[in-house]
Amino acid sequence: MQIFKYIHLVIMRSRMIRAVLVIALLGGLGMWLLLPNNRNALPEHPPWKTVVDAHGRLQVFGLTLGATTLGEVQARFGQTGKVTLFVDPDGNPRGTVEAFFERIDLNGLYGDFVFTLGTDRATLARIYDGGLRISRLGDGTQKVQPAPVDLEALANASIEHITYLPGARLAPQVIQDRFGEPAERVAEPKGIVHWLYPGKGIDIARRPNGRAVIQYVNPSNFDQLREPLRNTKE
């Protein structure tokens, strides 16, 4: 997954960052930073409200992992998003297709979203071969812009993984009050602390400055989030 490559997008959004800094200086990092301006108008499907259905599929933001399609997300958000195929540095299409949606308004609660789509190897190869433009990231990973015909087909692909980047900073107490006590906390050497909720399929990666990245997977796939942290030491 290329999740943390999108953290840079949030950090670079200078106008919003300055606004958040001003708010933090005036009022501290209280719980209300995670709430809309109108406290009586909470989102119908807030990021902390999750349900696991009878099939073990996580439901959050009014979306169901493994069932809701990219086309349904596009209709819900009113954006087509930026769809990209990420390919391993060796050129073999074993990567992922991700859709990035910027500054989505959930009834006054703003944030960015990255959706990883369910695609098979044949689909990845077809997108790669028909890509309109290929560029490279610093680690050699290739970014492929899908052709229109492939974008149309991807509208029927299901979302398998959600990454939510809140526009507001999150204090630890905010996370505790909204998401509950995690099953485990794992600290990385650079200060990022992961709040892990296996039963809810949630990993909240919080930086020391309060910026956070929240990932959602079906609980049965939680090892996708936990495994990269196995050897992490404080």
Protein backbone atom coordinates (compact mmCIF):
# COMPACT_ATOMS: atom_id res chain seq x y z
CA MET A 1 0.00 0.00 0.00
CA GLN A 2 1.12 3.54 -0.71
CA ILE A 3 -0.83 5.06 2.19
CA PHE A 4 1.75 7.30 3.83
CA LYS A 5 2.69 8.90 0.50
CA TYR A 6 -0.57 10.82 0.89
CA ILE A 7 0.39 12.30 4.27
CA HIS A 8 2.58 14.74 2.36
CA LEU A 9 -0.48 16.02 0.50
CA VAL A 10 -2.11 17.03 3.77
CA ILE A 11 1.05 18.64 5.16
CA MET A 12 1.53 20.69 2.00
CA ARG A 13 -1.97 22.18 2.16
CA SER A 14 -0.59 25.33 3.81
CA ARG A 15 -3.75 27.41 4.13
CA MET A 16 -5.64 24.74 6.02
CA ILE A 17 -2.62 23.94 8.19
CA ARG A 18 -2.27 27.59 9.23
CA ALA A 19 -5.97 27.68 10.12
CA VAL A 20 -5.66 24.57 12.29
CA LEU A 21 -2.59 26.03 14.02
CA VAL A 22 -4.48 29.20 14.88
CA ILE A 23 -7.38 27.20 16.30
CA ALA A 24 -4.98 25.04 18.31
CA LEU A 25 -3.24 28.06 19.78
CA LEU A 26 -6.51 29.72 20.76
CA GLY A 27 -8.38 26.77 22.13
CA GLY A 28 -6.02 23.85 22.55
CA LEU A 29 -6.47 20.42 21.06
CA GLY A 30 -9.80 19.56 22.64
CA MET A 31 -12.34 17.04 21.49
CA TRP A 32 -14.15 19.63 19.39
CA LEU A 33 -11.34 19.56 16.80
CA LEU A 34 -12.83 16.31 15.56
CA LEU A 35 -16.32 17.78 15.34
CA PRO A 36 -18.03 19.95 12.70
CA ASN A 37 -18.49 23.66 13.28
CA ASN A 38 -22.11 23.01 14.19
CA ARG A 39 -21.95 20.60 17.13
CA ASN A 40 -25.63 19.74 16.66
CA ALA A 41 -24.96 18.57 13.10
CA LEU A 42 -22.68 15.58 13.50
CA PRO A 43 -22.07 13.50 10.36
CA GLU A 44 -24.55 10.69 9.95
CA HIS A 45 -21.63 8.31 9.48
CA PRO A 46 -18.66 9.67 11.50
CA PRO A 47 -15.21 8.02 11.34
CA TRP A 48 -15.56 6.48 14.80
CA LYS A 49 -18.92 4.82 14.11
CA THR A 50 -18.23 1.38 12.63
CA VAL A 51 -20.25 -1.83 12.32
CA VAL A 52 -19.21 -5.33 11.26
CA ASP A 53 -22.04 -7.01 9.37
CA ALA A 54 -23.03 -10.68 9.39
CA HIS A 55 -20.52 -11.37 6.61
CA GLY A 56 -17.62 -9.87 8.56
CA ARG A 57 -17.52 -6.76 6.39
CA LEU A 58 -16.72 -3.43 7.97
CA GLN A 59 -19.21 -0.62 7.49
CA VAL A 60 -17.99 2.95 8.01
CA PHE A 61 -18.85 6.33 6.45
CA GLY A 62 -21.96 4.61 5.08
CA LEU A 63 -19.70 2.39 2.94
CA THR A 64 -19.14 -1.37 3.14
CA LEU A 65 -15.71 -2.86 2.49
CA GLY A 66 -15.83 -5.56 -0.13
CA ALA A 67 -19.28 -4.47 -1.36
CA THR A 68 -19.44 -0.73 -2.07
CA THR A 69 -18.01 0.09 -5.51
CA LEU A 70 -15.82 2.96 -6.62
CA GLY A 71 -18.72 4.24 -8.71
CA GLU A 72 -20.91 4.40 -5.62
CA VAL A 73 -18.20 6.30 -3.74
CA GLN A 74 -17.89 8.76 -6.63
CA ALA A 75 -21.63 9.35 -6.61
CA ARG A 76 -21.66 9.75 -2.83
CA PHE A 77 -18.75 12.23 -2.74
CA GLY A 78 -19.63 14.05 -5.94
CA GLN A 79 -16.09 13.61 -7.24
CA THR A 80 -14.43 11.23 -9.68
CA GLY A 81 -11.29 11.23 -7.56
CA LYS A 82 -7.78 10.63 -8.82
CA VAL A 83 -7.30 6.96 -9.69
CA THR A 84 -3.75 5.61 -9.87
CA LEU A 85 -2.14 2.22 -10.32
CA PHE A 86 0.95 1.78 -8.16
CA VAL A 87 3.36 -0.82 -9.50
CA ASP A 88 6.38 -2.44 -7.86
CA PRO A 89 9.78 -1.02 -8.90
CA ASP A 90 10.56 -4.16 -10.95
CA GLY A 91 7.71 -3.34 -13.33
CA ASN A 92 5.57 -6.36 -12.56
CA PRO A 93 1.92 -5.33 -12.04
CA ARG A 94 1.61 -6.68 -8.51
CA GLY A 95 0.67 -3.35 -7.01
CA THR A 96 -2.61 -1.72 -6.12
CA VAL A 97 -5.16 0.62 -7.64
CA GLU A 98 -6.01 3.52 -5.38
CA ALA A 99 -8.52 6.37 -5.66
CA PHE A 100 -7.74 9.64 -3.90
CA PHE A 101 -10.52 12.08 -2.92
CA GLU A 102 -9.52 15.47 -1.60
CA ARG A 103 -11.23 17.60 1.05
CA ILE A 104 -14.45 15.67 1.43
CA ASP A 105 -17.06 17.42 3.57
CA LEU A 106 -18.86 15.13 6.01
CA ASN A 107 -21.35 17.67 7.29
CA GLY A 108 -18.61 20.09 8.33
CA LEU A 109 -15.96 17.49 9.13
CA TYR A 110 -13.33 17.71 6.39
CA GLY A 111 -10.73 15.18 5.34
CA ASP A 112 -9.08 13.32 2.48
CA PHE A 113 -9.75 9.72 1.51
CA VAL A 114 -7.75 7.00 -0.22
CA PHE A 115 -9.59 3.86 -1.33
CA THR A 116 -7.74 0.70 -2.32
CA LEU A 117 -9.75 -1.21 -4.91
CA GLY A 118 -10.25 -4.91 -5.32
CA THR A 119 -8.53 -5.87 -8.59
CA ASP A 120 -7.11 -9.12 -9.91
CA ARG A 121 -3.74 -9.60 -11.64
CA ALA A 122 -5.28 -9.60 -15.12
CA THR A 123 -6.91 -6.24 -14.46
CA LEU A 124 -3.67 -4.79 -13.10
CA ALA A 125 -1.79 -5.98 -16.18
CA ARG A 126 -4.39 -4.50 -18.52
CA ILE A 127 -4.29 -1.13 -16.77
CA TYR A 128 -0.51 -1.13 -16.83
CA ASP A 129 -0.29 -1.99 -20.52
CA GLY A 130 -2.87 0.64 -21.48
CA GLY A 131 -1.69 3.36 -19.09
CA LEU A 132 -1.66 6.91 -20.45
CA ARG A 133 1.32 8.06 -18.41
CA ILE A 134 3.88 6.42 -16.15
CA SER A 135 6.00 8.25 -13.58
CA ARG A 136 8.19 7.10 -10.70
CA LEU A 137 8.26 7.81 -7.00
CA GLY A 138 11.49 8.18 -5.08
CA ASP A 139 11.61 4.49 -4.14
CA GLY A 140 11.18 3.41 -7.75
CA THR A 141 7.48 2.59 -7.47
CA GLN A 142 5.72 3.36 -10.73
CA LYS A 143 2.56 5.50 -10.89
CA VAL A 144 0.33 4.65 -13.84
CA GLN A 145 -2.53 6.84 -15.04
CA PRO A 146 -5.28 4.48 -16.28
CA ALA A 147 -6.84 4.96 -19.71
CA PRO A 148 -10.48 6.16 -19.83
CA VAL A 149 -11.75 2.69 -20.74
CA ASP A 150 -10.07 1.24 -17.65
CA LEU A 151 -11.36 4.04 -15.42
CA GLU A 152 -14.86 3.22 -16.60
CA ALA A 153 -14.38 -0.45 -15.78
CA LEU A 154 -12.90 0.35 -12.36
CA ALA A 155 -16.16 2.05 -11.36
CA ASN A 156 -17.46 -1.48 -10.74
CA ALA A 157 -14.50 -2.46 -8.52
CA SER A 158 -15.22 -2.81 -4.81
CA ILE A 159 -13.38 -0.85 -2.15
CA GLU A 160 -11.25 -3.12 0.05
CA HIS A 161 -9.35 -0.66 2.24
CA ILE A 162 -10.05 2.91 3.35
CA THR A 163 -7.54 5.48 4.51
CA TYR A 164 -8.96 8.64 6.06
CA LEU A 165 -6.80 11.72 6.66
CA PRO A 166 -8.66 14.07 9.02
CA GLY A 167 -8.19 17.75 8.36
CA ALA A 168 -7.97 18.44 12.11
CA ARG A 169 -5.29 17.39 14.55
CA LEU A 170 -6.32 14.70 17.02
CA ALA A 171 -5.35 14.82 20.67
CA PRO A 172 -4.96 11.42 22.39
CA GLN A 173 -8.02 12.14 24.53
CA VAL A 174 -10.07 12.76 21.39
CA ILE A 175 -9.10 9.34 20.04
CA GLN A 176 -9.80 7.72 23.41
CA ASP A 177 -13.22 9.32 23.76
CA ARG A 178 -14.37 8.75 20.20
CA PHE A 179 -12.82 5.39 19.27
CA GLY A 180 -12.44 3.85 22.72
CA GLU A 181 -9.55 2.08 24.37
CA PRO A 182 -7.36 0.34 21.76
CA ALA A 183 -6.39 -3.29 22.05
CA GLU A 184 -2.78 -2.24 21.58
CA ARG A 185 -0.57 0.81 21.06
CA VAL A 186 2.59 0.46 18.98
CA ALA A 187 5.13 3.30 18.80
CA GLU A 188 7.47 3.76 15.86
CA PRO A 189 11.00 5.16 16.33
CA LYS A 190 10.02 8.50 14.76
CA GLY A 191 7.26 9.05 17.27
CA ILE A 192 4.22 7.83 15.34
CA VAL A 193 1.93 5.87 17.65
CA HIS A 194 -0.50 3.34 16.23
CA TRP A 195 -3.76 2.84 18.08
CA LEU A 196 -4.89 -0.64 17.02
CA TYR A 197 -8.48 -1.88 17.11
CA PRO A 198 -8.47 -5.40 15.55
CA GLY A 199 -12.13 -6.08 16.27
CA LYS A 200 -13.09 -2.86 14.51
CA GLY A 201 -10.52 -3.15 11.72
CA ILE A 202 -9.02 0.26 12.59
CA ASP A 203 -5.44 1.51 12.83
CA ILE A 204 -5.01 5.16 13.87
CA ALA A 205 -1.44 6.32 13.20
CA ARG A 206 -0.93 9.56 15.14
CA ARG A 207 2.12 11.79 14.77
CA PRO A 208 3.47 13.76 17.76
CA ASN A 209 2.04 16.97 16.27
CA GLY A 210 -1.48 15.51 16.28
CA ARG A 211 -1.82 14.75 12.60
CA ALA A 212 -3.31 11.33 12.02
CA VAL A 213 -3.95 8.73 9.36
CA ILE A 214 -6.82 6.32 10.01
CA GLN A 215 -6.95 3.03 8.13
CA TYR A 216 -9.93 0.69 7.89
CA VAL A 217 -9.95 -2.96 6.80
CA ASN A 218 -12.24 -5.90 7.42
CA PRO A 219 -11.30 -7.36 10.82
CA SER A 220 -10.38 -10.68 9.17
CA ASN A 221 -7.71 -8.79 7.22
CA PHE A 222 -6.31 -6.86 10.16
CA ASP A 223 -2.90 -8.53 9.82
CA GLN A 224 -2.44 -6.34 6.73
CA LEU A 225 -2.15 -3.43 9.17
CA ARG A 226 -0.52 -5.22 12.10
CA GLU A 227 2.17 -7.20 10.27
CA PRO A 228 4.29 -4.19 9.17
CA LEU A 229 4.48 -3.18 12.84
CA ARG A 230 5.64 -6.56 14.18
CA ASN A 231 9.27 -5.54 14.53
CA THR A 232 8.63 -1.92 15.47
CA LYS A 233 10.45 -0.74 18.58
CA GLU A 234 10.01 2.46 20.51
